């Protein structure tokens, strides 16, 4: 009987300790959940604040970029050709040498050129000249050379060759002066005869001076 009573008391005490332990654990978990919820709320508040701050920064950046792009477009719109032909203007990129004998506060005349832009322009004028010469030769000069001189037997100008004969017309592709002399014709044959020769001569300085500037 004493053994049963002792076991019963021990059993009740064990159950009470277990319940007490579980209760304390439950309260600890509730406290931890409360702290976790507070931390989550704090982080969400910080996230909201950062989001609003980022949105504000993005709006300011977008406004700044739009104004910058507008200013760049306006600058290019009114000065694209001058900027294309103008070289570097920054002193640290292209430092200018100053005269040895220079007075104090004396102003200098500065001229900057973009060499590669001038080379591009020179090539553009050259191939435009070539296209013009080929067009004039194919459409006008070839037919005139084939027909012969306007005055029969005239040996002046291009009609002075022994082959096919002086004062006779000839085929531009096979009997030109270059073909007769060297056996082949280069691109220059396209501005050897009237009217291509005279018109191309007026166009040629555009290419010549652009290349000289380069």
Protein backbone atom coordinates (compact mmCIF):
# COMPACT_ATOMS: atom_id res chain seq x y z
CA UNK A 1 0.00 0.00 0.00
CA UNK A 2 2.84 2.41 0.87
CA UNK A 3 4.48 1.55 -2.41
CA UNK A 4 1.29 2.33 -4.38
CA UNK A 5 0.82 5.63 -2.54
CA UNK A 6 4.47 6.62 -3.19
CA UNK A 7 4.17 5.71 -6.89
CA UNK A 8 0.93 7.71 -7.19
CA UNK A 9 2.51 10.81 -5.57
CA UNK A 10 5.58 10.46 -7.80
CA UNK A 11 3.32 10.11 -10.81
CA UNK A 12 1.35 13.26 -10.00
CA UNK A 13 4.54 15.22 -9.40
CA UNK A 14 5.95 14.04 -12.73
CA UNK A 15 2.79 15.06 -14.58
CA UNK A 16 2.82 18.46 -12.84
CA UNK A 17 6.48 19.05 -13.78
CA UNK A 18 5.81 18.04 -17.39
CA UNK A 19 2.81 20.37 -17.66
CA UNK A 20 4.80 23.18 -16.06
CA UNK A 21 7.66 22.63 -18.50
CA UNK A 22 5.37 22.53 -21.50
CA UNK A 23 3.56 25.64 -20.33
CA UNK A 24 6.82 27.54 -19.94
CA UNK A 25 7.90 26.37 -23.40
CA UNK A 26 4.59 27.49 -24.87
CA UNK A 27 4.96 30.95 -23.31
CA UNK A 28 8.52 31.16 -24.62
CA UNK A 29 7.31 30.26 -28.12
CA UNK A 30 4.56 32.88 -27.86
CA UNK A 31 7.14 35.46 -26.79
CA UNK A 32 9.45 34.44 -29.63
CA UNK A 33 6.59 34.67 -32.13
CA UNK A 34 5.70 38.12 -30.83
CA UNK A 35 9.34 39.24 -31.20
CA UNK A 36 9.48 37.67 -34.67
CA UNK A 37 6.28 39.46 -35.71
CA UNK A 38 7.68 42.73 -34.43
CA UNK A 39 10.88 42.14 -36.39
CA UNK A 40 8.91 41.31 -39.53
CA UNK A 41 6.85 44.49 -39.12
CA UNK A 42 10.06 46.46 -38.63
CA UNK A 43 11.64 44.96 -41.76
CA UNK A 44 8.48 45.58 -43.79
CA UNK A 45 8.53 49.19 -42.63
CA UNK A 46 12.16 49.53 -43.66
CA UNK A 47 11.38 47.88 -46.99
CA UNK A 48 8.51 50.29 -47.60
CA UNK A 49 10.76 53.21 -46.72
CA UNK A 50 13.50 51.96 -49.01
CA UNK A 51 11.00 51.37 -51.80
CA UNK A 52 9.67 54.91 -51.53
CA UNK A 53 13.23 56.25 -51.37
CA UNK A 54 14.23 54.18 -54.44
CA UNK A 55 11.16 55.41 -56.31
CA UNK A 56 12.08 58.98 -55.48
CA UNK A 57 15.65 58.41 -56.65
CA UNK A 58 14.44 56.76 -59.86
CA UNK A 59 12.08 59.66 -60.55
CA UNK A 60 14.90 62.16 -60.01
CA UNK A 61 17.25 60.12 -62.20
CA UNK A 62 14.64 59.77 -64.94
CA UNK A 63 14.01 63.50 -64.88
CA UNK A 64 17.74 64.20 -65.01
CA UNK A 65 18.27 61.73 -67.88
CA UNK A 66 15.40 63.22 -69.86
CA UNK A 67 16.77 66.72 -69.43
CA UNK A 68 20.29 65.52 -70.32
CA UNK A 69 19.06 63.66 -73.40
CA UNK A 70 17.04 66.69 -74.46
CA UNK A 71 20.07 68.95 -74.12
CA UNK A 72 22.27 66.47 -76.02
CA UNK A 73 19.70 66.10 -78.80
CA UNK A 74 19.34 69.86 -79.07
CA UNK A 75 23.11 70.23 -79.18
CA UNK A 76 23.44 67.58 -81.87
CA UNK A 77 20.50 69.01 -83.80
CA UNK A 78 22.14 72.40 -84.14
CA UNK A 79 25.79 71.35 -84.28
CA UNK A 80 26.03 67.80 -85.66
CA UNK A 81 28.04 68.84 -88.72
CA UNK A 82 30.37 71.12 -86.79
CA UNK A 83 30.87 68.45 -84.10
CA UNK A 84 31.57 65.85 -86.79
CA UNK A 85 34.26 68.01 -88.37
CA UNK A 86 35.68 69.34 -85.10
CA UNK A 87 38.49 67.58 -83.29
CA UNK A 88 39.16 67.17 -79.57
CA UNK A 89 38.81 70.37 -77.57
CA UNK A 90 39.78 69.17 -74.10
CA UNK A 91 43.26 70.31 -73.12
CA UNK A 92 44.01 67.04 -71.34
CA UNK A 93 43.10 65.08 -74.49
CA UNK A 94 44.76 67.29 -77.09
CA UNK A 95 47.04 69.84 -75.35
CA UNK A 96 47.89 72.89 -77.43
CA UNK A 97 51.40 74.25 -77.70
CA UNK A 98 51.57 77.94 -76.99
CA UNK A 99 54.01 80.38 -78.61
CA UNK A 100 57.20 81.06 -76.66
CA UNK A 101 56.81 84.81 -77.06
CA UNK A 102 53.32 85.26 -75.73
CA UNK A 103 52.09 88.30 -73.91
CA UNK A 104 50.21 87.99 -70.65
CA UNK A 105 46.44 87.51 -71.09
CA UNK A 106 46.92 87.32 -74.83
CA UNK A 107 44.10 85.53 -76.59
CA UNK A 108 44.83 82.68 -78.98
CA UNK A 109 42.96 81.71 -82.12
CA UNK A 110 42.13 78.02 -81.72
CA UNK A 111 41.15 75.85 -84.67
CA UNK A 112 40.41 72.18 -84.13
CA UNK A 113 39.88 69.66 -86.92
CA UNK A 114 38.92 66.00 -86.94
CA UNK A 115 41.33 64.38 -89.39
CA UNK A 116 39.34 61.18 -89.88
CA UNK A 117 36.18 63.15 -90.63
CA UNK A 118 38.01 65.00 -93.39
CA UNK A 119 39.27 61.71 -94.79
CA UNK A 120 35.71 60.40 -94.81
CA UNK A 121 34.57 63.53 -96.67
CA UNK A 122 37.43 63.14 -99.16
CA UNK A 123 36.44 59.53 -99.89
CA UNK A 124 32.82 60.58 -100.21
CA UNK A 125 33.70 63.24 -102.80
CA UNK A 126 36.02 60.85 -104.67
CA UNK A 127 33.46 58.10 -105.14
CA UNK A 128 30.78 60.66 -105.95
CA UNK A 129 33.13 61.97 -108.65
CA UNK A 130 33.68 58.44 -109.97
CA UNK A 131 29.94 57.76 -110.15
CA UNK A 132 29.39 61.07 -111.94
CA UNK A 133 32.18 60.33 -114.44
CA UNK A 134 30.93 56.81 -115.19
CA UNK A 135 27.38 58.09 -115.67
CA UNK A 136 28.45 60.85 -118.05
CA UNK A 137 30.76 58.54 -120.01
CA UNK A 138 28.22 55.73 -120.40
CA UNK A 139 25.30 58.00 -121.30
CA UNK A 140 27.00 60.62 -123.48
CA UNK A 141 30.68 60.08 -124.30
CA UNK A 142 30.49 56.47 -125.52
CA UNK A 143 27.92 57.27 -128.20
CA UNK A 144 29.83 60.33 -129.42
CA UNK A 145 33.11 58.43 -129.65
CA UNK A 146 31.44 55.61 -131.57
CA UNK A 147 29.80 58.04 -134.01
CA UNK A 148 33.07 59.80 -134.81
CA UNK A 149 33.86 63.53 -135.18
CA UNK A 150 31.11 66.02 -135.96
CA UNK A 151 33.15 67.26 -138.94
CA UNK A 152 34.03 64.32 -141.17
CA UNK A 153 37.74 63.55 -141.17
CA UNK A 154 38.50 65.82 -138.20
CA UNK A 155 41.58 64.40 -136.42
CA UNK A 156 41.51 66.68 -133.36
CA UNK A 157 40.87 65.56 -129.83
CA UNK A 158 40.17 61.88 -129.27
CA UNK A 159 40.04 61.02 -133.00
CA UNK A 160 43.81 61.11 -133.54
CA UNK A 161 44.60 57.42 -133.17
CA UNK A 162 46.16 55.25 -135.84
CA UNK A 163 43.78 52.45 -134.87
CA UNK A 164 41.06 52.25 -136.12
CA UNK A 165 42.26 55.29 -138.08
CA UNK A 166 42.62 59.05 -137.74
CA UNK A 167 39.35 60.92 -137.96
CA UNK A 168 37.28 57.78 -137.33
CA UNK A 169 35.07 56.81 -134.43
CA UNK A 170 36.11 54.02 -132.09
CA UNK A 171 34.75 51.74 -129.40
CA UNK A 172 35.38 53.09 -125.88
CA UNK A 173 35.66 49.66 -124.25
CA UNK A 174 38.23 48.15 -126.64
CA UNK A 175 39.88 51.03 -128.56
CA UNK A 176 40.34 53.88 -126.08
CA UNK A 177 43.69 55.68 -125.78
CA UNK A 178 44.57 53.75 -122.63
CA UNK A 179 43.74 50.44 -124.32
CA UNK A 180 45.87 51.37 -127.33
CA UNK A 181 48.84 52.44 -125.18
CA UNK A 182 48.86 50.02 -122.24
CA UNK A 183 46.55 47.23 -123.28
CA UNK A 184 44.08 47.84 -120.44
CA UNK A 185 41.90 50.68 -119.15
CA UNK A 186 41.69 51.82 -115.54
CA UNK A 187 39.03 53.86 -113.80
CA UNK A 188 40.56 57.12 -115.04
CA UNK A 189 39.33 56.36 -118.56
CA UNK A 190 35.89 57.47 -117.44
CA UNK A 191 36.99 61.11 -117.33
CA UNK A 192 39.26 61.12 -120.39
CA UNK A 193 36.69 62.36 -122.91
CA UNK A 194 34.23 65.20 -123.32
CA UNK A 195 31.89 66.08 -121.57
CA UNK A 196 32.92 63.92 -118.62
CA UNK A 197 36.41 65.45 -118.60
CA UNK A 198 35.25 69.06 -118.21
CA UNK A 199 32.47 68.40 -115.68
CA UNK A 200 34.64 66.13 -113.53
CA UNK A 201 37.39 68.77 -113.61
CA UNK A 202 35.00 71.18 -111.87
CA UNK A 203 34.00 68.53 -109.31
CA UNK A 204 37.53 67.31 -108.60
CA UNK A 205 38.62 70.21 -106.27
CA UNK A 206 36.05 69.07 -103.69
CA UNK A 207 37.94 65.80 -103.37
CA UNK A 208 41.37 67.37 -103.80
CA UNK A 209 41.11 70.02 -101.08
CA UNK A 210 39.38 67.67 -98.63
CA UNK A 211 42.31 65.27 -99.00
CA UNK A 212 44.80 68.13 -98.65
CA UNK A 213 43.15 69.22 -95.38
CA UNK A 214 43.32 65.63 -94.12
